[in-house]
N, C-alpha and C. Protein backbone atom coordinates (compact mmCIF):
# COMPACT_ATOMS: atom_id res chain seq x y z
N THR A 1 89.81 153.43 -34.26
CA THR A 1 90.09 152.42 -35.37
C THR A 1 89.36 150.72 -35.34
N ASP A 2 88.51 150.79 -36.19
CA ASP A 2 87.62 149.37 -36.28
C ASP A 2 88.38 148.48 -36.80
N GLU A 3 88.02 147.29 -36.52
CA GLU A 3 88.67 145.99 -37.00
C GLU A 3 88.95 145.92 -38.82
N ASP A 4 88.13 146.80 -38.98
CA ASP A 4 88.31 146.88 -40.49
C ASP A 4 89.52 148.23 -40.85
N GLY A 5 90.31 148.62 -39.78
CA GLY A 5 91.26 149.45 -40.48
C GLY A 5 90.55 151.14 -40.39
N ASP A 6 89.32 151.23 -40.23
CA ASP A 6 88.17 152.41 -40.33
C ASP A 6 88.34 153.24 -39.42
N GLU A 7 88.87 154.40 -39.49
CA GLU A 7 88.93 155.69 -38.70
C GLU A 7 87.41 155.99 -37.84
N HIS A 8 87.10 156.21 -36.43
CA HIS A 8 85.68 156.91 -36.16
C HIS A 8 86.31 158.07 -35.22
N GLU A 9 85.71 159.29 -34.80
CA GLU A 9 85.59 160.01 -34.13
C GLU A 9 84.45 159.82 -33.38
N TYR A 10 84.75 160.30 -31.70
CA TYR A 10 83.66 159.67 -31.12
C TYR A 10 84.06 161.15 -29.66
N ASP A 11 82.73 161.19 -29.10
CA ASP A 11 82.81 162.30 -28.25
C ASP A 11 83.12 161.80 -26.87
N TRP A 12 83.54 162.02 -25.41
CA TRP A 12 83.62 161.29 -24.63
C TRP A 12 83.72 162.38 -23.25
N TYR A 13 82.92 161.87 -22.61
CA TYR A 13 83.01 162.91 -20.96
C TYR A 13 83.65 161.87 -20.06
N ILE A 14 84.01 162.85 -19.09
CA ILE A 14 84.51 162.41 -17.76
C ILE A 14 83.61 162.72 -16.51
N LEU A 15 82.97 162.01 -15.92
CA LEU A 15 81.85 162.35 -15.02
C LEU A 15 82.88 162.76 -13.73
N THR A 16 83.12 163.40 -12.92
CA THR A 16 83.46 163.90 -11.74
C THR A 16 82.93 163.77 -10.39
N VAL A 17 82.85 162.33 -9.79
CA VAL A 17 81.50 162.88 -8.39
C VAL A 17 82.24 162.73 -7.25
N THR A 18 81.70 164.01 -6.47
CA THR A 18 82.13 164.20 -5.07
C THR A 18 81.27 163.53 -3.97
N LEU A 19 81.33 162.41 -3.02
CA LEU A 19 81.05 161.66 -2.12
C LEU A 19 81.19 162.10 -0.48
N THR A 20 80.17 162.55 0.03
CA THR A 20 79.83 162.84 1.09
C THR A 20 79.59 162.01 2.43
N ASN A 21 80.39 161.53 2.86
CA ASN A 21 79.80 160.60 3.81
C ASN A 21 79.16 161.01 5.20
N ARG A 22 77.71 161.01 5.29
CA ARG A 22 77.21 161.82 6.20
C ARG A 22 76.38 161.10 7.45
N THR A 23 77.38 160.67 8.93
CA THR A 23 76.90 159.40 9.62
C THR A 23 75.74 159.75 10.07
N LEU A 24 75.44 158.97 10.68
CA LEU A 24 73.75 159.17 11.38
C LEU A 24 74.05 160.23 12.30
N PRO A 25 75.35 160.02 13.74
CA PRO A 25 74.99 161.58 14.03
C PRO A 25 75.05 163.06 13.32
N VAL A 26 75.33 163.02 12.04
CA VAL A 26 75.15 164.04 12.08
C VAL A 26 73.88 164.88 11.40
N VAL A 27 73.24 163.13 10.81
CA VAL A 27 71.90 163.45 10.11
C VAL A 27 70.60 163.67 11.22
N ILE A 28 71.41 163.02 12.55
CA ILE A 28 70.53 163.61 13.69
C ILE A 28 69.99 164.41 14.59
N ASN A 29 71.42 165.38 14.33
CA ASN A 29 72.11 166.70 14.74
C ASN A 29 70.65 167.98 14.01
N GLU A 30 70.90 167.28 12.87
CA GLU A 30 69.47 168.02 12.02
C GLU A 30 68.33 167.63 11.87
N ARG A 31 67.98 166.66 12.22
CA ARG A 31 66.48 166.10 12.42
C ARG A 31 66.00 165.84 13.25
N LEU A 32 66.50 165.46 14.39
CA LEU A 32 65.77 165.10 15.90
C LEU A 32 65.11 165.93 16.84
N THR A 33 64.48 166.12 17.64
CA THR A 33 64.44 167.08 18.48
C THR A 33 65.26 166.44 19.67
N ASP A 34 65.42 167.56 20.53
CA ASP A 34 66.27 167.37 21.77
C ASP A 34 65.57 165.98 22.37
N ASP A 35 64.82 166.15 22.53
CA ASP A 35 63.74 165.04 23.37
C ASP A 35 64.81 163.40 22.66
N GLN A 36 64.39 163.85 21.19
CA GLN A 36 64.57 162.65 20.04
C GLN A 36 66.02 161.98 20.42
N LYS A 37 67.14 163.15 20.95
CA LYS A 37 68.74 163.03 20.66
C LYS A 37 68.89 162.50 22.03
N GLU A 38 68.38 163.21 23.11
CA GLU A 38 68.42 161.89 24.12
C GLU A 38 68.28 160.41 24.06
N LEU A 39 66.95 159.84 23.18
CA LEU A 39 66.97 159.00 22.93
C LEU A 39 67.90 158.05 22.51
N TYR A 40 68.28 158.82 21.27
CA TYR A 40 69.51 158.26 20.56
C TYR A 40 71.03 158.20 21.25
N SER A 41 70.86 158.95 22.21
CA SER A 41 71.90 158.95 23.37
C SER A 41 72.04 157.55 24.06
N ALA A 42 70.98 157.49 24.46
CA ALA A 42 70.92 156.55 25.35
C ALA A 42 70.94 155.36 24.87
N THR A 43 70.23 154.60 23.22
CA THR A 43 70.59 153.77 23.06
C THR A 43 71.72 153.67 21.90
N MET A 44 72.67 154.40 22.27
CA MET A 44 74.41 154.24 21.80
C MET A 44 74.47 153.78 22.84
N TRP A 45 74.73 154.02 24.06
CA TRP A 45 75.25 153.63 25.55
C TRP A 45 75.24 152.13 25.58
N THR A 46 73.77 152.23 25.24
CA THR A 46 73.01 150.63 26.20
C THR A 46 73.26 149.69 24.60
N LYS A 47 73.61 150.53 23.89
CA LYS A 47 73.83 149.18 22.54
C LYS A 47 72.58 148.87 22.24
N GLY A 48 70.99 149.63 22.77
CA GLY A 48 69.88 148.65 22.93
C GLY A 48 70.10 147.52 23.53
N ASN A 49 70.57 147.00 24.22
CA ASN A 49 70.55 145.73 25.36
C ASN A 49 70.86 144.80 24.10
N LYS A 50 71.98 145.14 23.13
CA LYS A 50 71.77 143.68 22.30
C LYS A 50 73.09 143.91 21.92
N PRO A 51 74.07 144.03 22.64
CA PRO A 51 75.60 144.72 22.39
C PRO A 51 76.35 143.54 21.37
N TYR A 52 75.91 142.16 21.28
CA TYR A 52 76.58 141.35 20.35
C TYR A 52 75.83 141.99 18.95
N LEU A 53 75.14 142.51 18.78
CA LEU A 53 74.64 142.91 17.31
C LEU A 53 75.82 144.67 17.29
N TRP A 54 76.90 145.10 18.20
CA TRP A 54 77.18 146.26 17.68
C TRP A 54 78.92 146.17 17.71
N ASP A 55 79.18 144.20 17.22
CA ASP A 55 80.76 144.39 17.72
C ASP A 55 81.66 145.26 16.91
N ASN A 56 82.73 144.93 16.89
CA ASN A 56 83.45 145.86 16.40
C ASN A 56 85.35 145.72 16.56
N ILE A 57 85.94 146.05 16.14
CA ILE A 57 87.55 145.23 16.16
C ILE A 57 87.78 146.57 17.33
N TYR A 58 87.62 147.41 17.32
CA TYR A 58 87.70 148.10 18.76
C TYR A 58 87.00 148.02 20.16
N THR A 59 86.06 147.31 19.89
CA THR A 59 85.36 146.83 21.44
C THR A 59 86.09 146.12 21.73
N GLY A 60 86.54 145.06 21.24
CA GLY A 60 87.12 144.11 22.42
C GLY A 60 86.75 143.65 23.36
N GLY A 61 87.67 143.94 24.72
CA GLY A 61 87.37 143.16 26.19
C GLY A 61 86.35 144.75 26.95
N ASP A 62 86.24 145.77 26.10
CA ASP A 62 85.86 147.07 26.85
C ASP A 62 84.59 147.37 26.13
N THR A 63 83.44 146.40 27.13
CA THR A 63 82.28 146.89 27.00
C THR A 63 81.65 147.23 28.04
N ASP A 64 82.21 148.54 28.86
CA ASP A 64 81.91 149.14 30.04
C ASP A 64 81.49 150.76 28.76
N PRO A 65 80.30 151.32 28.88
CA PRO A 65 80.36 152.46 28.38
C PRO A 65 81.04 153.56 29.05
N SER A 66 80.62 153.47 30.10
CA SER A 66 80.92 154.33 31.14
C SER A 66 80.61 155.86 30.54
N PRO A 67 78.58 156.08 30.78
CA PRO A 67 77.95 156.82 30.39
C PRO A 67 77.78 158.00 31.54
N SER A 68 78.42 158.07 32.70
CA SER A 68 77.80 158.73 33.82
C SER A 68 79.28 159.68 34.05
N TYR A 69 80.22 159.02 33.67
CA TYR A 69 81.81 159.26 34.06
C TYR A 69 81.85 160.74 34.05
N GLU A 70 81.99 161.56 34.81
CA GLU A 70 82.33 163.00 34.92
C GLU A 70 83.62 163.26 35.36
N ILE A 71 84.69 163.99 34.70
CA ILE A 71 85.58 164.18 34.92
C ILE A 71 86.04 165.37 36.21
N PRO A 72 86.70 164.74 36.77
CA PRO A 72 87.04 165.37 38.86
C PRO A 72 87.40 166.89 38.35
N GLY A 73 86.85 167.65 39.04
CA GLY A 73 86.55 168.97 39.18
C GLY A 73 88.25 169.32 39.03
N GLU A 74 88.61 169.13 39.89
CA GLU A 74 90.47 169.65 39.74
C GLU A 74 91.00 169.44 38.60
N ALA A 75 90.49 168.37 37.77
CA ALA A 75 91.31 168.40 37.20
C ALA A 75 91.16 169.52 35.49
N LEU A 76 90.19 169.20 36.04
CA LEU A 76 89.22 170.93 34.98
C LEU A 76 90.22 172.36 35.18
N THR A 77 90.72 172.23 36.48
CA THR A 77 91.38 173.56 36.44
C THR A 77 92.49 174.10 35.58
N ASP A 78 92.87 173.09 34.78
CA ASP A 78 93.76 172.87 34.20
C ASP A 78 93.24 173.51 33.00
N PRO A 79 93.39 174.78 31.73
CA PRO A 79 92.37 175.54 30.98
C PRO A 79 93.17 174.68 29.68
N ASN A 80 93.68 174.10 29.38
CA ASN A 80 94.02 173.16 28.02
C ASN A 80 93.67 172.09 28.54
N PHE A 81 93.54 171.19 29.72
CA PHE A 81 92.88 170.22 29.71
C PHE A 81 91.44 170.25 29.46
N ALA A 82 90.93 171.75 30.48
CA ALA A 82 89.58 171.96 30.26
C ALA A 82 88.67 171.94 28.63
N ALA A 83 89.63 172.84 27.82
CA ALA A 83 89.22 173.00 26.61
C ALA A 83 89.57 171.54 25.86
N LEU A 84 90.50 170.77 26.04
CA LEU A 84 90.45 169.44 25.54
C LEU A 84 89.07 168.76 25.61
N ILE A 85 88.54 168.89 26.67
CA ILE A 85 87.21 167.90 27.20
C ILE A 85 86.14 168.63 26.88
N ALA A 86 86.10 169.83 26.89
CA ALA A 86 85.11 170.59 25.84
C ALA A 86 84.91 170.14 24.87
N GLU A 87 85.79 170.11 24.01
CA GLU A 87 85.75 169.58 22.86
C GLU A 87 85.41 168.48 22.79
N ALA A 88 86.14 167.08 23.17
CA ALA A 88 86.06 165.78 22.76
C ALA A 88 84.62 165.59 23.24
N GLU A 89 83.95 166.12 24.37
CA GLU A 89 82.76 165.40 24.92
C GLU A 89 81.79 166.02 23.50
N LYS A 90 82.09 166.83 22.84
CA LYS A 90 81.09 167.48 21.39
C LYS A 90 80.57 166.13 20.76
N TYR A 91 81.41 164.97 21.12
CA TYR A 91 81.14 163.53 20.03
C TYR A 91 80.98 162.63 20.55
N LEU A 92 80.70 162.34 21.84
CA LEU A 92 80.11 161.37 22.85
C LEU A 92 79.11 160.62 22.18
N GLY A 93 79.42 159.77 21.36
CA GLY A 93 78.16 158.73 20.83
C GLY A 93 78.37 158.72 19.56
N TYR A 94 79.62 159.39 18.80
CA TYR A 94 79.58 159.33 17.52
C TYR A 94 80.38 157.80 17.13
N PRO A 95 79.66 157.24 16.00
CA PRO A 95 80.31 155.76 15.89
C PRO A 95 81.69 155.55 15.13
N TYR A 96 82.45 154.91 15.44
CA TYR A 96 83.56 154.58 14.87
C TYR A 96 83.73 154.24 12.74
N VAL A 97 84.13 155.18 12.48
CA VAL A 97 84.33 155.23 11.14
C VAL A 97 85.72 155.35 10.40
N TRP A 98 85.89 154.39 10.11
CA TRP A 98 87.75 153.91 9.45
C TRP A 98 87.81 155.05 8.72
N GLY A 99 88.89 156.09 8.68
CA GLY A 99 89.21 156.91 7.91
C GLY A 99 88.89 158.45 8.30
N GLY A 100 87.56 158.19 9.29
CA GLY A 100 87.05 159.35 9.74
C GLY A 100 88.08 160.47 10.26
N SER A 101 87.63 162.02 10.01
CA SER A 101 88.31 162.43 10.74
C SER A 101 87.62 164.30 10.76
N SER A 102 86.44 164.16 11.04
CA SER A 102 85.83 165.26 11.22
C SER A 102 84.09 165.15 11.54
N PRO A 103 83.83 166.18 12.30
CA PRO A 103 82.41 165.69 12.55
C PRO A 103 81.29 165.49 11.64
N SER A 104 81.44 166.00 10.57
CA SER A 104 80.69 165.16 9.13
C SER A 104 80.55 163.58 8.34
N THR A 105 82.28 163.46 9.09
CA THR A 105 82.39 162.30 8.48
C THR A 105 82.17 161.27 9.86
N SER A 106 82.32 161.57 11.08
CA SER A 106 82.72 160.76 12.29
C SER A 106 84.10 160.61 11.94
N PHE A 107 84.50 159.86 12.92
CA PHE A 107 85.96 159.54 13.30
C PHE A 107 86.65 158.22 13.35
N ASP A 108 87.92 158.12 13.10
CA ASP A 108 88.83 156.89 13.82
C ASP A 108 89.43 157.17 15.01
N CYS A 109 90.20 156.77 15.60
CA CYS A 109 90.68 156.78 16.62
C CYS A 109 92.06 158.21 16.40
N SER A 110 92.27 157.99 15.20
CA SER A 110 93.29 158.96 15.58
C SER A 110 92.95 160.46 14.99
N GLY A 111 91.94 160.48 14.15
CA GLY A 111 90.63 161.39 13.70
C GLY A 111 90.32 162.16 14.45
N PHE A 112 89.93 161.47 15.57
CA PHE A 112 89.38 162.17 16.84
C PHE A 112 90.02 162.60 17.73
N VAL A 113 91.48 161.74 17.57
CA VAL A 113 92.37 163.34 18.47
C VAL A 113 93.29 163.85 18.20
N CYS A 114 93.42 163.68 16.52
CA CYS A 114 93.68 164.81 16.04
C CYS A 114 92.87 166.24 16.01
N TRP A 115 91.23 166.05 15.55
CA TRP A 115 90.54 166.60 15.68
C TRP A 115 90.29 167.77 16.72
N VAL A 116 90.43 166.88 17.96
CA VAL A 116 90.37 167.22 19.27
C VAL A 116 91.25 168.34 19.51
N TYR A 117 92.72 167.85 19.53
CA TYR A 117 93.63 168.84 19.83
C TYR A 117 93.71 170.07 18.57
N THR A 118 93.54 169.47 17.82
CA THR A 118 93.32 171.15 17.31
C THR A 118 92.09 172.01 17.28
N HIS A 119 91.28 171.54 17.45
CA HIS A 119 89.59 172.53 17.54
C HIS A 119 89.67 172.78 18.68
N SER A 120 90.51 172.34 20.11
CA SER A 120 90.53 172.96 20.93
C SER A 120 91.24 173.89 21.35
N GLY A 121 92.35 174.23 20.41
CA GLY A 121 93.21 175.13 20.35
C GLY A 121 94.24 174.72 21.32
N VAL A 122 94.35 173.86 21.79
CA VAL A 122 95.66 173.34 22.86
C VAL A 122 96.89 172.71 21.93
N TYR A 123 96.94 172.24 21.12
CA TYR A 123 98.10 171.88 19.67
C TYR A 123 97.34 171.65 18.37
N ASN A 124 98.05 172.19 17.64
CA ASN A 124 97.54 171.80 16.10
C ASN A 124 98.38 170.52 15.79
N LEU A 125 97.67 169.63 15.69
CA LEU A 125 97.96 168.02 15.39
C LEU A 125 97.28 167.78 13.73
N PRO A 126 97.86 168.22 12.54
CA PRO A 126 97.71 167.63 11.43
C PRO A 126 96.98 166.60 11.53
N ARG A 127 96.03 166.10 10.83
CA ARG A 127 95.50 164.72 10.59
C ARG A 127 96.96 163.62 10.08
N THR A 128 96.87 162.82 11.25
CA THR A 128 97.88 161.11 10.91
C THR A 128 97.07 160.16 11.51
N THR A 129 98.05 159.20 11.70
CA THR A 129 97.95 157.60 12.23
C THR A 129 98.03 157.55 13.37
N ALA A 130 97.60 156.90 14.46
CA ALA A 130 98.05 156.87 15.93
C ALA A 130 99.75 156.73 15.77
N THR A 131 100.27 155.84 14.93
CA THR A 131 101.95 156.12 14.85
C THR A 131 102.26 157.48 14.51
N GLY A 132 101.59 157.81 13.82
CA GLY A 132 101.93 159.11 13.31
C GLY A 132 101.95 160.46 14.72
N ILE A 133 100.59 160.20 14.76
CA ILE A 133 100.97 160.97 16.58
C ILE A 133 102.06 160.63 17.49
N TYR A 134 101.92 159.14 18.00
CA TYR A 134 103.12 158.41 18.58
C TYR A 134 104.35 159.07 18.39
N ASN A 135 104.73 159.23 17.22
CA ASN A 135 106.14 159.49 16.72
C ASN A 135 106.00 161.59 16.87
N GLN A 136 105.07 161.77 17.40
CA GLN A 136 105.52 163.16 18.13
C GLN A 136 105.30 163.38 19.30
N CYS A 137 105.41 162.46 20.03
CA CYS A 137 105.31 162.36 21.44
C CYS A 137 106.40 161.81 22.32
N ALA A 138 106.47 162.66 23.48
CA ALA A 138 107.46 162.71 24.33
C ALA A 138 106.82 161.44 25.03
N ILE A 139 107.49 160.31 25.61
CA ILE A 139 107.14 158.85 25.94
C ILE A 139 107.01 159.58 27.89
N VAL A 140 106.04 159.15 28.16
CA VAL A 140 105.83 159.39 29.46
C VAL A 140 105.41 158.25 30.43
N PRO A 141 106.13 157.82 31.56
CA PRO A 141 106.34 156.76 32.43
C PRO A 141 104.80 156.72 32.82
N ARG A 142 103.99 155.54 33.05
CA ARG A 142 102.93 155.40 33.62
C ARG A 142 102.33 156.47 34.92
N SER A 143 103.49 155.92 35.99
CA SER A 143 103.60 156.92 36.95
C SER A 143 103.16 158.57 36.71
N GLU A 144 103.63 159.05 35.70
CA GLU A 144 103.45 161.11 35.62
C GLU A 144 102.58 161.09 34.34
N ALA A 145 101.94 160.07 34.08
CA ALA A 145 101.13 160.46 33.20
C ALA A 145 99.57 161.51 34.19
N ARG A 146 99.39 162.20 33.30
CA ARG A 146 98.15 162.96 33.84
C ARG A 146 97.37 163.35 32.68
N PRO A 147 96.22 164.21 33.05
CA PRO A 147 95.17 164.42 32.30
C PRO A 147 95.44 165.42 30.87
N GLY A 148 95.10 164.31 29.60
CA GLY A 148 95.69 165.45 28.45
C GLY A 148 96.57 164.51 27.75
N ASP A 149 97.56 163.79 28.67
CA ASP A 149 98.17 163.02 28.23
C ASP A 149 97.71 162.08 26.86
N LEU A 150 98.41 161.49 26.30
CA LEU A 150 97.95 160.35 25.29
C LEU A 150 98.04 159.16 25.40
N ILE A 151 97.01 157.90 25.44
CA ILE A 151 97.63 156.79 25.78
C ILE A 151 97.33 156.15 24.58
N PHE A 152 98.51 154.97 24.39
CA PHE A 152 98.05 153.94 22.74
C PHE A 152 98.62 152.82 22.93
N PHE A 153 97.88 151.96 22.42
CA PHE A 153 97.70 150.76 22.67
C PHE A 153 98.43 150.01 21.22
N THR A 154 98.96 148.60 21.52
CA THR A 154 99.09 147.91 20.79
C THR A 154 98.03 146.68 19.77
N ARG A 155 97.97 145.91 19.35
CA ARG A 155 97.86 145.09 18.66
C ARG A 155 96.06 144.56 18.85
N THR A 156 95.60 145.90 18.57
CA THR A 156 93.90 145.84 18.87
C THR A 156 93.48 145.24 17.36
N TYR A 157 94.56 145.02 16.29
CA TYR A 157 93.85 145.04 15.11
C TYR A 157 95.45 144.63 14.47
N ASP A 158 94.95 143.98 13.32
CA ASP A 158 96.51 143.56 12.52
C ASP A 158 96.42 144.89 11.69
N CYS A 159 98.10 145.32 12.12
CA CYS A 159 98.62 146.68 11.23
C CYS A 159 100.28 145.83 11.50
N ALA A 160 100.30 147.45 10.36
CA ALA A 160 101.84 147.18 10.06
C ALA A 160 102.68 147.23 11.39
N GLY A 161 102.95 148.33 11.96
CA GLY A 161 103.48 148.67 12.89
C GLY A 161 102.72 148.48 14.55
N PRO A 162 103.60 148.79 15.57
CA PRO A 162 103.05 148.27 16.77
C PRO A 162 102.09 149.28 17.42
N VAL A 163 101.75 150.15 17.09
CA VAL A 163 100.96 151.03 17.39
C VAL A 163 99.07 151.38 16.54
N SER A 164 98.59 150.56 17.10
CA SER A 164 97.41 150.68 16.62
C SER A 164 95.99 151.56 17.21
N HIS A 165 96.37 151.87 18.37
CA HIS A 165 95.08 152.88 18.42
C HIS A 165 95.28 153.84 19.65
N VAL A 166 94.51 154.78 20.01
CA VAL A 166 95.36 155.86 20.69
C VAL A 166 93.68 156.46 21.41
N GLY A 167 94.19 156.95 22.65
CA GLY A 167 93.04 157.72 22.93
C GLY A 167 93.70 159.27 24.04
N ILE A 168 92.58 159.45 24.22
CA ILE A 168 93.53 161.06 25.63
C ILE A 168 92.70 160.19 27.00
N TYR A 169 94.13 160.76 27.81
CA TYR A 169 93.65 160.19 29.06
C TYR A 169 92.99 161.33 29.85
N VAL A 170 92.39 160.47 30.59
CA VAL A 170 91.53 161.97 31.47
C VAL A 170 91.55 161.84 33.11
N GLY A 171 92.80 161.32 33.32
CA GLY A 171 93.16 161.01 34.66
C GLY A 171 92.22 159.66 35.45
N ASP A 172 92.60 158.86 36.57
CA ASP A 172 91.72 157.82 37.70
C ASP A 172 91.72 156.89 36.49
N ASN A 173 92.45 156.36 35.91
CA ASN A 173 92.20 155.35 34.90
C ASN A 173 91.61 155.36 33.97
N MET A 174 91.52 156.48 33.36
CA MET A 174 89.97 156.86 32.22
C MET A 174 90.70 157.07 31.14
N MET A 175 89.59 156.98 30.05
CA MET A 175 90.35 157.52 29.07
C MET A 175 89.14 158.08 27.96
N ILE A 176 89.40 158.75 27.35
CA ILE A 176 88.05 159.20 26.20
C ILE A 176 89.09 159.16 24.97
N HIS A 177 88.14 157.91 23.67
CA HIS A 177 88.54 157.75 22.82
C HIS A 177 87.75 157.58 21.55
N CYS A 178 88.12 157.18 20.71
CA CYS A 178 86.84 156.50 19.85
C CYS A 178 86.92 155.00 19.77
N GLY A 179 86.02 154.49 20.48
CA GLY A 179 85.86 153.33 20.17
C GLY A 179 84.68 153.07 19.27
N ASP A 180 83.82 152.03 19.59
CA ASP A 180 82.73 152.61 18.56
C ASP A 180 81.15 152.25 20.04
N PRO A 181 81.00 153.78 20.16
CA PRO A 181 80.70 154.62 19.77
C PRO A 181 82.33 155.68 20.60
N ILE A 182 82.28 156.82 20.29
CA ILE A 182 83.39 157.34 20.90
C ILE A 182 82.66 157.57 22.54
N LYS A 183 83.49 157.32 23.12
CA LYS A 183 82.92 157.44 24.64
C LYS A 183 84.05 157.32 25.93
N TYR A 184 83.74 157.19 27.20
CA TYR A 184 84.59 157.18 28.23
C TYR A 184 84.65 155.72 28.51
N ALA A 185 85.86 155.26 28.78
CA ALA A 185 86.56 153.86 29.17
C ALA A 185 87.94 153.65 30.41
N SER A 186 87.27 152.78 30.73
CA SER A 186 88.24 152.61 31.83
C SER A 186 89.81 151.48 31.39
N ILE A 187 90.88 152.32 31.51
CA ILE A 187 92.21 151.30 31.23
C ILE A 187 92.54 150.14 32.28
N SER A 188 91.81 149.81 32.75
CA SER A 188 92.01 149.00 33.82
C SER A 188 91.18 148.03 33.60
N THR A 189 90.70 147.50 32.60
CA THR A 189 90.07 146.02 32.35
C THR A 189 91.06 145.59 31.57
N SER A 190 90.93 144.45 31.77
CA SER A 190 92.23 143.43 30.94
C SER A 190 92.09 143.37 29.28
N TYR A 191 91.14 143.94 29.08
CA TYR A 191 91.51 144.15 27.50
C TYR A 191 92.17 145.22 27.37
N TRP A 192 92.33 146.29 27.92
CA TRP A 192 93.35 147.48 27.56
C TRP A 192 94.54 147.25 28.25
N GLN A 193 94.46 146.54 29.67
CA GLN A 193 95.77 146.53 30.15
C GLN A 193 97.01 145.65 29.17
N GLU A 194 95.68 144.80 28.43
CA GLU A 194 96.74 143.74 27.69
C GLU A 194 97.33 144.23 26.35
N HIS A 195 96.40 145.30 26.10
CA HIS A 195 96.71 145.57 24.82
C HIS A 195 97.65 147.21 24.95
N PHE A 196 98.12 147.78 26.58
CA PHE A 196 99.01 148.68 26.74
C PHE A 196 100.02 148.91 25.92
N TYR A 197 100.24 150.33 25.37
CA TYR A 197 101.62 150.20 24.53
C TYR A 197 102.72 151.09 25.45
N ALA A 198 101.93 152.64 25.66
CA ALA A 198 102.65 153.72 26.08
C ALA A 198 101.89 155.22 26.41
N PHE A 199 102.44 155.70 26.96
CA PHE A 199 101.69 156.89 27.38
C PHE A 199 102.65 157.79 26.86
N GLY A 200 102.27 159.43 26.32
CA GLY A 200 102.75 159.79 25.32
C GLY A 200 102.61 161.45 25.76
N ARG A 201 103.06 162.49 25.53
CA ARG A 201 103.27 163.97 25.68
C ARG A 201 103.28 164.82 24.55
N LEU A 202 102.36 165.58 24.09
CA LEU A 202 102.56 166.41 22.63
C LEU A 202 103.37 167.61 23.54
N ASN A 203 104.39 168.06 22.87
CA ASN A 203 105.05 168.89 23.25
C ASN A 203 105.05 170.36 22.44
């Protein structure tokens, strides 16, 4: 109805659009040669020798990318842990993406853990938050933590609950986690010790 009180009919349409977030690691897997992928991986690990350009809320004091870390052979005798690592290492170098939960979008910390546990066949862990994962775990004393357990951190950024970050403990005071990028990191650094919350085990 217009301002004069006359009625008019109009055709109108709803346009529904689906956007797919294709991150750089996904694109390069389709377009780069093996040699080029190695160069890209080296750039991710070294942050192009300009780490100050790669700052992220999840890097904090964790500046060691640990590119050459290898899981001790005895830990891999556990078939469940071996399956976890085989799946997790596929995504080394993938960037942190808030809300990401698959290789096509890349991952955030909880998305990475849920994907790895579920797609390794070790434990069906539907997509949830770091707190959601924590709530499904039995708490494990630090002295009893073993490879394949989960490690939780607090106050790595401003969030509602105490648990703000999660990684997969691999033993030897190391974890694999979705920092920026996905990488191995020592939990003995002052940053991760300051923010440590708990170890947990999915049952």
